[in-house]
Amino acid sequence: MPKGPFNPRAAPEWAALNKVTEKCGRDELYENGLKDEAPMKFGDDVMSGDLSTVGEVDLVIVGAGLSGVIIAERCATELGLSSVIIDKRDHIGGNVYDTINEETGIRVSQYGAHLFHTKFDRVWDYVTKYSEWIPFDHRVVGRVPDKDGVDQLVPIPPTQESVNKLFGENIKNEEEMQAWYDKVRVPNENPQNGEEAALSRVGPDLYEKIFKHYTKKQWDKYPAELDASVLLRLPCRTTTDDRYFPCPWQALPLRGYTRIFENILFTGACKDKVKLRLNCDFFANRDKLPKHKMLVFTGPIDAFYASQGLPKLEYRSIRFEEEVIKNPDEGFFQEAMVVNYPSAGVPYTRIIEYKHTPNQPADTEIKGTVIYREFSTGEGDPYYPVPNDQNRELYEKYRAFAEKEEGVAFVGRLASYKYFNMDQAILNALEMFDGLKETGKLEPKRSPEEMQKGN
C-alpha cells in the first residue's frame, strides 16, 4: 500500500480557503534562545506541588490547561492580578500537551491528536502571540469495507470519492451527489434520536458503513441511544472537499502545543505574576490552599460537588496503545496521520501516526515511527461528556449548586459538561475574562451551543 508522508495541504481549490498561507506568529522563547523543542523542565518548587511557599494570591486556578492558563494570563496582563495554577498532572497544557517520543524523536500528543482550527478572528489573533504557526489542512481517511467487502481508504466526512469507492457509484459533480443524498435519505423532520437523525442526513448505507458502529465504539451507545443533536451535525459534503474542518484558520504550532503554554506562562506579565505547582491534587490539598480572593475551577463539576451525594456525570475516555516500529516499509506505517476504523470488527476507533505532521522537531534524527491505537472507554481521564437527557438533567442540578457558590468560578469544558474544541475553550476563557472586567464575575457570555454553531 502507498505510504506517507501525507500531504499537509488539501487540493489547491480547498487549500485556498485556509487563511493561513505561510509561517506566521511569534515564539518569544525561541527568539530569546530556547532552541530545545522538548517541554521545559521545572524545578523542585514547581514539581513538588508544595503550596506552603506560594504566599497570598488573588486567584487559585485549578488546572493548567487552556482555560486555566488563559484566565491567569488575562488577569495578570490586564488587571495585574497574581495567581497560582495547580494541576495534579506532572506537566502543563492539559490534554493539549505534546512531547518528544524518546525512542523515535517524533513529536506526539500524549492525549490524542489535536488539530487547531477556528472561525474566530479573536482566537487566531490570541494564539499567534504565543507561537509560530504553519498551514495545515487536516484530512481524515477511514478504512472501510466496500459493498463487496474489500477494504477501501476513503475520506471522512464522506465526499464524492467515498460514495464512489464504497458503493460503486460514478458521481462526478455536486448535482449528482445531492441527487444521491436525496435518493437515499429517510425523511424525518423531527428525529427523536441519533439513528433517526443520521438516517435523515446520510441514508442507511453510509450510516451503516461509517457512523453506526463507530458511534457505538466511541460512546458505548448506538446512535438510537443518543440525542438526535449528536448526529444532526453530520457533515453532508456534496463537493470533493476532503478537509475535516471548514474553518478559515487551520494550522499547526511550529514547535508544538506545549510551547504555547510555555510562552504564555514564562514571558510577559505571567512571568512575575503567576506561580505554578504540578503534582498537586486540588482535592488532596483543599485545606492547604494559599489565601486567595477567588478560586477558578476547570475540573469536572461533579467532582467538585462529590459530597452532595448526587450520581457522577457520565464521560467517555480514551486508552492509548503505543507501538514503536523501528523499520517501517517506506518509512511510515500508514498512508495518513489519522486513519479511522468505523467497522464493528475492529476494536479501536483510529490509529494516529504523528510522523506525518510537518511540525516535527528541527535538526532531529527521526528513528522509525510510532503509532497510537485509540480505544474508547468508560474509565480514565474524562474526555467527552455523554450527551443524553439523563446527563443533561443531572448537570443542571450541579449547575444550580455552582450558581450559589461564592468566590468560585467554574470555567471550561469539564466544568461546563460540554465538549469544546480548542478554539472554543480559548474563546470561552477570553469572554469570561471580559465579564470579569465588566461585572466583576467570571461568567460565560454565550452558551456552548451558540459557540458551536457553524463549527
Protein backbone atom coordinates (compact mmCIF):
# COMPACT_ATOMS: atom_id res chain seq x y z
CA MET A 1 0.00 0.00 0.00
CA PRO A 2 1.23 3.59 -0.57
CA LYS A 3 2.86 5.26 2.39
CA GLY A 4 3.43 8.85 3.51
CA PRO A 5 4.25 11.45 4.21
CA PHE A 6 0.65 12.56 3.82
CA ASN A 7 0.39 15.91 2.07
CA PRO A 8 -0.27 18.56 4.75
CA ARG A 9 -2.29 20.63 2.26
CA ALA A 10 -5.58 19.84 0.60
CA ALA A 11 -6.19 20.11 -3.14
CA PRO A 12 -5.44 23.69 -4.30
CA GLU A 13 -9.07 24.83 -4.58
CA TRP A 14 -9.74 23.79 -0.97
CA ALA A 15 -6.35 24.78 0.44
CA ALA A 16 -7.01 28.27 -0.90
CA LEU A 17 -9.85 28.60 1.65
CA ASN A 18 -7.33 28.44 4.50
CA LYS A 19 -6.28 31.95 5.52
CA VAL A 20 -3.03 30.58 6.91
CA THR A 21 -0.79 30.61 3.85
CA GLU A 22 2.71 30.69 5.34
CA LYS A 23 4.59 30.62 8.61
CA CYS A 24 3.26 33.31 10.94
CA GLY A 25 3.02 34.26 14.60
CA ARG A 26 5.67 34.76 17.28
CA ASP A 27 7.61 32.42 19.56
CA GLU A 28 9.27 34.73 22.07
CA LEU A 29 11.08 31.96 23.93
CA TYR A 30 12.65 30.80 20.67
CA GLU A 31 13.64 34.37 19.84
CA ASN A 32 15.30 34.58 23.25
CA GLY A 33 17.41 31.50 22.59
CA LEU A 34 15.34 28.46 23.60
CA LYS A 35 16.13 26.06 20.74
CA ASP A 36 15.28 22.79 22.51
CA GLU A 37 11.80 21.76 21.33
CA ALA A 38 11.14 19.28 24.14
CA PRO A 39 8.92 20.51 27.00
CA MET A 40 10.70 22.69 29.53
CA LYS A 41 11.92 21.05 32.73
CA PHE A 42 10.79 22.63 36.01
CA GLY A 43 12.47 22.86 39.38
CA ASP A 44 11.51 21.17 42.63
CA ASP A 45 9.45 24.18 43.72
CA VAL A 46 7.06 23.51 40.81
CA MET A 47 7.22 19.71 40.63
CA SER A 48 6.83 19.13 44.37
CA GLY A 49 3.31 20.57 44.40
CA ASP A 50 4.19 22.30 47.68
CA LEU A 51 1.74 25.16 48.30
CA SER A 52 3.34 26.35 51.55
CA THR A 53 5.80 28.57 49.66
CA VAL A 54 3.25 30.28 47.42
CA GLY A 55 2.05 33.11 49.65
CA GLU A 56 -1.15 35.10 49.23
CA VAL A 57 -2.53 35.37 45.68
CA ASP A 58 -5.54 36.89 44.01
CA LEU A 59 -6.52 33.67 42.23
CA VAL A 60 -6.07 29.98 42.83
CA ILE A 61 -6.60 28.30 39.47
CA VAL A 62 -7.22 24.56 39.32
CA GLY A 63 -6.00 23.14 36.03
CA ALA A 64 -3.04 24.09 33.78
CA GLY A 65 -4.91 23.55 30.52
CA LEU A 66 -6.21 26.15 28.08
CA SER A 67 -8.95 27.57 30.29
CA GLY A 68 -6.86 27.96 33.44
CA VAL A 69 -3.72 29.31 31.78
CA ILE A 70 -5.60 31.87 29.67
CA ILE A 71 -7.56 33.16 32.67
CA ALA A 72 -4.25 33.55 34.54
CA GLU A 73 -2.65 35.38 31.60
CA ARG A 74 -5.54 37.78 31.05
CA CYS A 75 -5.81 38.61 34.76
CA ALA A 76 -2.06 39.19 35.03
CA THR A 77 -1.70 41.20 31.82
CA GLU A 78 -4.75 43.45 32.03
CA LEU A 79 -5.50 43.63 35.76
CA GLY A 80 -2.15 42.90 37.38
CA LEU A 81 -3.65 40.03 39.39
CA SER A 82 -1.49 37.27 40.84
CA SER A 83 -2.29 33.57 40.55
CA VAL A 84 -1.11 30.13 41.42
CA ILE A 85 -2.05 27.42 38.93
CA ILE A 86 -2.19 23.92 40.35
CA ASP A 87 -2.52 20.67 38.43
CA LYS A 88 -2.46 17.05 39.55
CA ARG A 89 -0.51 16.04 36.44
CA ASP A 90 3.25 16.48 36.11
CA HIS A 91 3.06 18.84 33.12
CA ILE A 92 1.30 21.94 31.82
CA GLY A 93 -1.04 22.05 28.85
CA GLY A 94 -3.85 19.76 29.97
CA ASN A 95 -4.99 17.40 27.23
CA VAL A 96 -3.28 19.59 24.62
CA TYR A 97 0.17 18.64 25.95
CA ASP A 98 2.64 17.27 23.43
CA THR A 99 6.16 15.99 23.89
CA ILE A 100 9.01 14.27 22.05
CA ASN A 101 8.91 10.49 21.94
CA GLU A 102 12.32 9.48 23.28
CA GLU A 103 12.74 6.34 21.20
CA THR A 104 11.91 7.89 17.82
CA GLY A 105 12.43 11.66 18.21
CA ILE A 106 8.88 12.27 16.92
CA ARG A 107 6.64 14.97 18.37
CA VAL A 108 3.50 13.28 19.70
CA SER A 109 0.39 14.37 21.58
CA GLN A 110 0.03 12.48 24.84
CA TYR A 111 -3.76 12.66 24.91
CA GLY A 112 -4.74 12.20 21.29
CA ALA A 113 -4.44 14.24 18.12
CA HIS A 114 -5.12 17.97 18.40
CA LEU A 115 -5.64 19.91 15.17
CA PHE A 116 -6.10 23.63 15.57
CA HIS A 117 -8.88 25.28 13.58
CA THR A 118 -11.08 28.29 14.23
CA LYS A 119 -13.61 30.62 12.70
CA PHE A 120 -12.98 33.22 15.42
CA ASP A 121 -10.58 36.02 14.45
CA ARG A 122 -10.11 36.89 18.10
CA VAL A 123 -8.87 33.39 18.90
CA TRP A 124 -6.46 33.39 15.96
CA ASP A 125 -5.09 36.79 16.99
CA TYR A 126 -4.54 35.48 20.53
CA VAL A 127 -2.73 32.23 19.70
CA THR A 128 -0.38 33.84 17.18
CA LYS A 129 1.04 35.94 20.02
CA TYR A 130 2.39 32.80 21.66
CA SER A 131 3.53 30.52 18.85
CA GLU A 132 4.68 30.40 15.28
CA TRP A 133 2.21 28.53 13.08
CA ILE A 134 2.33 26.73 9.76
CA PRO A 135 -0.65 25.97 7.47
CA PHE A 136 -2.17 22.51 7.79
CA ASP A 137 -5.40 21.26 6.22
CA HIS A 138 -6.42 18.36 8.43
CA ARG A 139 -7.88 15.45 6.48
CA VAL A 140 -9.02 12.10 7.82
CA VAL A 141 -9.40 8.84 5.96
CA GLY A 142 -11.23 5.71 7.05
CA ARG A 143 -10.51 2.09 6.26
CA VAL A 144 -13.97 0.87 5.31
CA PRO A 145 -15.15 -2.29 3.50
CA ASP A 146 -17.00 -1.56 0.27
CA LYS A 147 -20.17 -3.27 -0.99
CA ASP A 148 -18.09 -6.34 -1.88
CA GLY A 149 -16.29 -6.47 1.47
CA VAL A 150 -12.98 -5.11 0.14
CA ASP A 151 -11.32 -2.51 2.39
CA GLN A 152 -11.12 0.94 0.86
CA LEU A 153 -9.37 4.06 2.11
CA VAL A 154 -11.94 6.86 1.84
CA PRO A 155 -12.28 10.47 3.03
CA ILE A 156 -14.20 11.09 6.26
CA PRO A 157 -16.51 13.00 6.36
CA PRO A 158 -17.76 11.30 3.21
CA THR A 159 -17.26 13.02 -0.14
CA GLN A 160 -18.00 12.07 -3.74
CA GLU A 161 -14.92 9.84 -3.64
CA SER A 162 -16.19 7.99 -0.54
CA VAL A 163 -19.54 7.18 -2.10
CA ASN A 164 -18.00 6.13 -5.41
CA LYS A 165 -15.47 3.78 -3.78
CA LEU A 166 -17.85 2.21 -1.27
CA PHE A 167 -20.97 1.77 -3.38
CA GLY A 168 -19.68 1.59 -6.96
CA GLU A 169 -21.27 4.89 -7.95
CA ASN A 170 -19.89 7.24 -10.60
CA ILE A 171 -20.73 10.62 -9.11
CA LYS A 172 -18.89 13.40 -10.94
CA ASN A 173 -20.28 16.69 -9.61
CA GLU A 174 -22.20 18.35 -6.81
CA GLU A 175 -25.58 18.00 -8.50
CA GLU A 176 -25.17 14.24 -8.82
CA MET A 177 -24.01 13.97 -5.21
CA GLN A 178 -27.03 15.94 -4.00
CA ALA A 179 -29.31 13.72 -6.08
CA TRP A 180 -27.73 10.64 -4.45
CA TYR A 181 -28.39 12.04 -0.97
CA ASP A 182 -31.97 12.91 -1.91
CA LYS A 183 -32.48 9.33 -3.12
CA VAL A 184 -31.13 7.58 -0.01
CA ARG A 185 -32.22 9.84 2.83
CA VAL A 186 -35.03 8.78 5.16
CA PRO A 187 -37.20 11.90 5.53
CA ASN A 188 -37.78 12.91 9.15
CA GLU A 189 -38.48 16.49 10.21
CA ASN A 190 -38.39 15.68 13.92
CA PRO A 191 -35.89 12.88 14.65
CA GLN A 192 -36.13 11.57 18.18
CA ASN A 193 -32.67 10.04 18.49
CA GLY A 194 -29.28 9.85 16.81
CA GLU A 195 -30.18 6.99 14.49
CA GLU A 196 -33.23 8.77 13.09
CA ALA A 197 -31.13 11.93 12.70
CA ALA A 198 -28.33 10.08 10.87
CA LEU A 199 -30.72 8.33 8.50
CA SER A 200 -32.30 11.67 7.66
CA ARG A 201 -28.87 13.11 6.89
CA VAL A 202 -26.93 10.36 5.09
CA GLY A 203 -29.29 7.46 4.46
CA PRO A 204 -28.94 3.81 5.56
CA ASP A 205 -25.84 2.76 3.57
CA LEU A 206 -23.43 5.45 4.74
CA TYR A 207 -24.96 5.22 8.20
CA GLU A 208 -24.20 1.51 8.42
CA LYS A 209 -20.73 1.71 6.86
CA ILE A 210 -19.31 4.76 8.66
CA PHE A 211 -21.43 6.10 11.52
CA LYS A 212 -23.39 3.38 13.34
CA HIS A 213 -20.60 1.17 14.69
CA TYR A 214 -18.08 3.99 15.10
CA THR A 215 -20.62 5.73 17.33
CA LYS A 216 -21.05 2.55 19.38
CA LYS A 217 -17.28 2.24 19.82
CA GLN A 218 -16.89 5.91 20.68
CA TRP A 219 -19.81 6.27 23.12
CA ASP A 220 -20.61 2.66 24.07
CA LYS A 221 -24.07 3.54 22.81
CA TYR A 222 -25.66 3.05 19.44
CA PRO A 223 -26.96 6.23 17.80
CA ALA A 224 -30.52 5.22 18.75
CA GLU A 225 -29.46 5.68 22.40
CA LEU A 226 -28.08 9.22 21.89
CA ASP A 227 -29.63 12.63 21.38
CA ALA A 228 -30.63 13.47 17.84
CA SER A 229 -28.44 16.59 18.16
CA VAL A 230 -25.28 14.45 18.17
CA LEU A 231 -25.81 13.14 14.63
CA LEU A 232 -27.79 16.01 13.18
CA ARG A 233 -24.41 17.72 12.81
CA LEU A 234 -23.11 15.05 10.43
CA PRO A 235 -21.49 16.91 7.51
CA CYS A 236 -23.00 16.02 4.15
CA ARG A 237 -20.42 17.02 1.60
CA THR A 238 -21.59 17.32 -1.97
CA THR A 239 -18.17 18.55 -3.15
CA THR A 240 -14.72 16.97 -3.35
CA ASP A 241 -13.59 18.95 -0.29
CA ASP A 242 -11.98 16.34 1.97
CA ARG A 243 -10.86 18.73 4.71
CA TYR A 244 -12.14 17.64 8.11
CA PHE A 245 -12.90 21.21 9.20
CA PRO A 246 -14.40 24.10 7.21
CA CYS A 247 -12.82 26.82 9.38
CA PRO A 248 -10.92 29.72 7.72
CA TRP A 249 -7.93 29.40 10.09
CA GLN A 250 -6.26 25.97 10.14
CA ALA A 251 -2.68 25.46 11.30
CA LEU A 252 -0.20 23.58 13.47
CA PRO A 253 2.09 25.23 16.05
CA LEU A 254 5.59 25.03 14.59
CA ARG A 255 7.21 23.86 17.85
CA GLY A 256 4.22 22.08 19.32
CA TYR A 257 1.30 22.94 21.53
CA THR A 258 3.23 22.82 24.79
CA ARG A 259 5.33 25.76 23.59
CA ILE A 260 2.17 27.91 23.51
CA PHE A 261 1.67 27.35 27.23
CA GLU A 262 5.35 27.98 27.93
CA ASN A 263 5.24 31.30 26.11
CA ILE A 264 2.11 32.36 27.98
CA LEU A 265 3.45 31.43 31.40
CA PHE A 266 7.13 32.39 31.11
CA THR A 267 7.05 35.63 29.13
CA GLY A 268 5.15 38.87 29.68
CA ALA A 269 3.18 39.59 32.84
CA CYS A 270 2.77 35.93 33.82
CA LYS A 271 6.49 35.58 34.39
CA ASP A 272 6.18 37.64 37.58
CA LYS A 273 2.50 37.25 38.44
CA VAL A 274 1.81 33.53 38.04
CA LYS A 275 3.20 30.64 40.07
CA LEU A 276 2.89 27.01 39.07
CA ARG A 277 2.54 23.87 41.16
CA LEU A 278 2.38 20.47 39.47
CA ASN A 279 1.70 17.06 41.03
CA CYS A 280 -0.73 19.00 43.19
CA ASP A 281 -4.20 17.47 43.52
CA PHE A 282 -6.78 20.09 44.42
CA PHE A 283 -8.91 17.71 46.46
CA ALA A 284 -5.95 16.40 48.46
CA ASN A 285 -4.80 19.97 49.16
CA ARG A 286 -8.14 21.72 49.51
CA ASP A 287 -7.43 22.71 53.12
CA LYS A 288 -3.87 23.86 52.26
CA LEU A 289 -4.66 26.43 49.59
CA PRO A 290 -2.93 29.78 49.98
CA LYS A 291 -5.04 32.77 50.97
CA HIS A 292 -6.87 33.98 47.88
CA LYS A 293 -9.80 36.08 46.66
CA MET A 294 -11.19 33.77 44.00
CA LEU A 295 -10.98 30.09 43.10
CA VAL A 296 -11.12 29.22 39.39
CA PHE A 297 -12.04 25.57 38.92
CA THR A 298 -11.57 23.94 35.48
CA GLY A 299 -12.08 20.32 36.53
CA PRO A 300 -15.22 18.14 36.44
CA ILE A 301 -18.05 19.92 38.17
CA ASP A 302 -19.40 16.69 39.64
CA ALA A 303 -16.04 16.00 41.30
CA PHE A 304 -16.17 19.44 42.98
CA TYR A 305 -19.56 18.58 44.48
CA ALA A 306 -18.90 14.91 45.24
CA SER A 307 -20.01 15.44 48.85
CA GLN A 308 -23.53 16.33 47.73
CA GLY A 309 -24.38 12.69 47.12
CA LEU A 310 -25.52 13.06 43.50
CA PRO A 311 -24.58 10.46 40.88
CA LYS A 312 -21.49 11.06 38.77
CA LEU A 313 -21.83 12.59 35.34
CA GLU A 314 -21.02 10.20 32.51
CA TYR A 315 -17.85 10.69 30.46
CA ARG A 316 -16.03 8.77 27.77
CA SER A 317 -12.26 8.44 27.95
CA ILE A 318 -9.55 7.09 25.65
CA ARG A 319 -6.99 4.34 26.19
CA PHE A 320 -3.90 4.69 24.03
CA GLU A 321 -1.87 1.72 22.85
CA GLU A 322 1.59 2.84 21.71
CA GLU A 323 3.69 0.83 19.28
CA VAL A 324 7.15 1.82 18.08
CA ILE A 325 8.03 0.46 14.64
CA LYS A 326 11.77 0.62 14.07
CA ASN A 327 11.94 -0.15 10.34
CA PRO A 328 8.59 0.59 8.71
CA ASP A 329 8.21 -0.08 4.99
CA GLU A 330 8.86 3.14 3.06
CA GLY A 331 9.33 4.97 6.37
CA PHE A 332 5.70 5.03 7.51
CA PHE A 333 3.14 2.63 9.00
CA GLN A 334 0.06 4.04 7.26
CA GLU A 335 -0.98 6.38 4.48
CA ALA A 336 -2.14 9.35 6.60
CA MET A 337 -1.77 10.86 10.03
CA VAL A 338 -5.28 9.75 11.06
CA VAL A 339 -6.93 6.56 9.81
CA ASN A 340 -10.35 5.81 11.28
CA TYR A 341 -11.75 2.29 11.64
CA PRO A 342 -15.53 2.64 11.76
CA SER A 343 -16.34 -1.06 11.33
CA ALA A 344 -17.62 -3.18 14.21
CA GLY A 345 -14.95 -5.87 13.74
CA VAL A 346 -12.02 -3.61 14.73
CA PRO A 347 -11.83 -2.81 18.48
CA TYR A 348 -10.07 0.55 18.19
CA THR A 349 -11.55 3.72 16.72
CA ARG A 350 -8.49 5.03 14.91
CA ILE A 351 -4.70 4.92 14.52
CA ILE A 352 -2.60 8.08 14.76
CA GLU A 353 0.86 8.36 13.19
CA TYR A 354 2.30 11.75 14.12
CA LYS A 355 5.32 11.36 11.87
CA HIS A 356 3.13 12.65 9.03
CA THR A 357 2.78 16.12 10.59
CA PRO A 358 5.03 18.87 9.18
CA ASN A 359 5.86 20.35 12.61
CA GLN A 360 8.31 17.66 13.66
CA PRO A 361 11.36 18.92 15.62
CA ALA A 362 14.02 20.68 13.57
CA ASP A 363 17.53 19.20 13.38
CA THR A 364 16.39 15.94 14.98
CA GLU A 365 17.05 12.47 13.61
CA ILE A 366 13.78 10.56 13.28
CA LYS A 367 14.20 6.85 14.00
CA GLY A 368 11.43 4.64 12.65
CA THR A 369 7.90 5.65 13.56
CA VAL A 370 5.42 5.39 16.42
CA ILE A 371 1.69 4.79 16.21
CA TYR A 372 -1.13 5.11 18.72
CA ARG A 373 -4.24 2.95 18.59
CA GLU A 374 -7.15 4.61 20.36
CA PHE A 375 -9.75 2.64 22.29
CA SER A 376 -12.78 4.44 23.69
CA THR A 377 -13.52 3.52 27.30
CA GLY A 378 -15.69 4.50 30.23
CA GLU A 379 -12.70 4.54 32.61
CA GLY A 380 -9.86 7.05 32.89
CA ASP A 381 -9.49 10.79 32.47
CA PRO A 382 -12.75 12.47 31.38
CA TYR A 383 -12.68 13.48 27.70
CA TYR A 384 -16.18 13.59 26.25
CA PRO A 385 -19.44 14.33 28.09
CA VAL A 386 -22.09 11.81 27.05
CA PRO A 387 -24.99 13.79 25.56
CA ASN A 388 -28.35 12.45 26.60
CA ASP A 389 -31.33 13.67 28.64
CA GLN A 390 -30.29 11.91 31.84
CA ASN A 391 -26.85 13.53 31.92
CA ARG A 392 -28.22 16.91 30.93
CA GLU A 393 -30.74 16.87 33.77
CA LEU A 394 -28.07 15.78 36.24
CA TYR A 395 -25.71 18.54 35.08
CA GLU A 396 -28.44 21.14 35.70
CA LYS A 397 -28.50 20.06 39.34
CA TYR A 398 -24.75 20.57 39.60
CA ARG A 399 -25.02 23.91 37.82
CA ALA A 400 -27.58 25.05 40.40
CA PHE A 401 -25.03 24.36 43.14
CA ALA A 402 -22.37 26.27 41.20
CA GLU A 403 -24.53 29.36 40.75
CA LYS A 404 -24.85 29.66 44.54
CA GLU A 405 -21.14 29.10 45.21
CA GLU A 406 -19.47 32.28 46.47
CA GLY A 407 -15.91 33.03 45.41
CA VAL A 408 -15.68 30.18 42.90
CA ALA A 409 -15.81 30.39 39.10
CA PHE A 410 -16.31 27.27 37.00
CA VAL A 411 -14.52 27.55 33.66
CA GLY A 412 -14.00 25.23 30.70
CA ARG A 413 -15.39 22.06 29.19
CA LEU A 414 -15.29 19.80 32.26
CA ALA A 415 -16.80 22.46 34.50
CA SER A 416 -19.48 23.14 31.86
CA TYR A 417 -20.06 19.48 30.99
CA LYS A 418 -19.79 20.38 27.33
CA TYR A 419 -17.23 19.33 24.75
CA PHE A 420 -15.20 22.30 23.49
CA ASN A 421 -12.78 22.31 20.60
CA MET A 422 -9.54 24.11 21.41
CA ASP A 423 -10.68 27.38 19.87
CA GLN A 424 -13.99 27.24 21.73
CA ALA A 425 -12.17 26.71 25.03
CA ILE A 426 -9.93 29.69 24.27
CA LEU A 427 -12.83 31.94 23.28
CA ASN A 428 -14.83 30.89 26.32
CA ALA A 429 -11.93 31.84 28.62
CA LEU A 430 -11.36 35.17 26.84
CA GLU A 431 -15.03 36.09 27.02
CA MET A 432 -15.34 35.04 30.65
CA PHE A 433 -12.46 37.38 31.40
CA ASP A 434 -14.36 40.15 29.58
CA GLY A 435 -17.19 39.51 32.01
CA LEU A 436 -14.80 39.81 34.96
CA LYS A 437 -13.71 43.25 33.75
CA GLU A 438 -17.25 44.40 33.08
CA THR A 439 -19.19 42.95 36.01
CA GLY A 440 -16.63 41.54 38.42
CA LYS A 441 -17.77 37.98 37.68
CA LEU A 442 -16.20 35.23 35.57
CA GLU A 443 -19.27 34.24 33.59
CA PRO A 444 -19.69 32.92 30.03
CA LYS A 445 -21.06 35.41 27.51
CA ARG A 446 -22.58 32.81 25.22
CA SER A 447 -23.80 29.26 25.57
CA PRO A 448 -21.68 26.36 24.32
CA GLU A 449 -24.42 25.66 21.76
CA GLU A 450 -24.09 29.17 20.33
CA MET A 451 -20.31 28.84 20.22
CA GLN A 452 -20.55 25.60 18.26
CA LYS A 453 -22.80 26.94 15.51
CA GLY A 454 -21.19 26.51 12.11
CA ASN A 455 -18.26 24.52 13.52
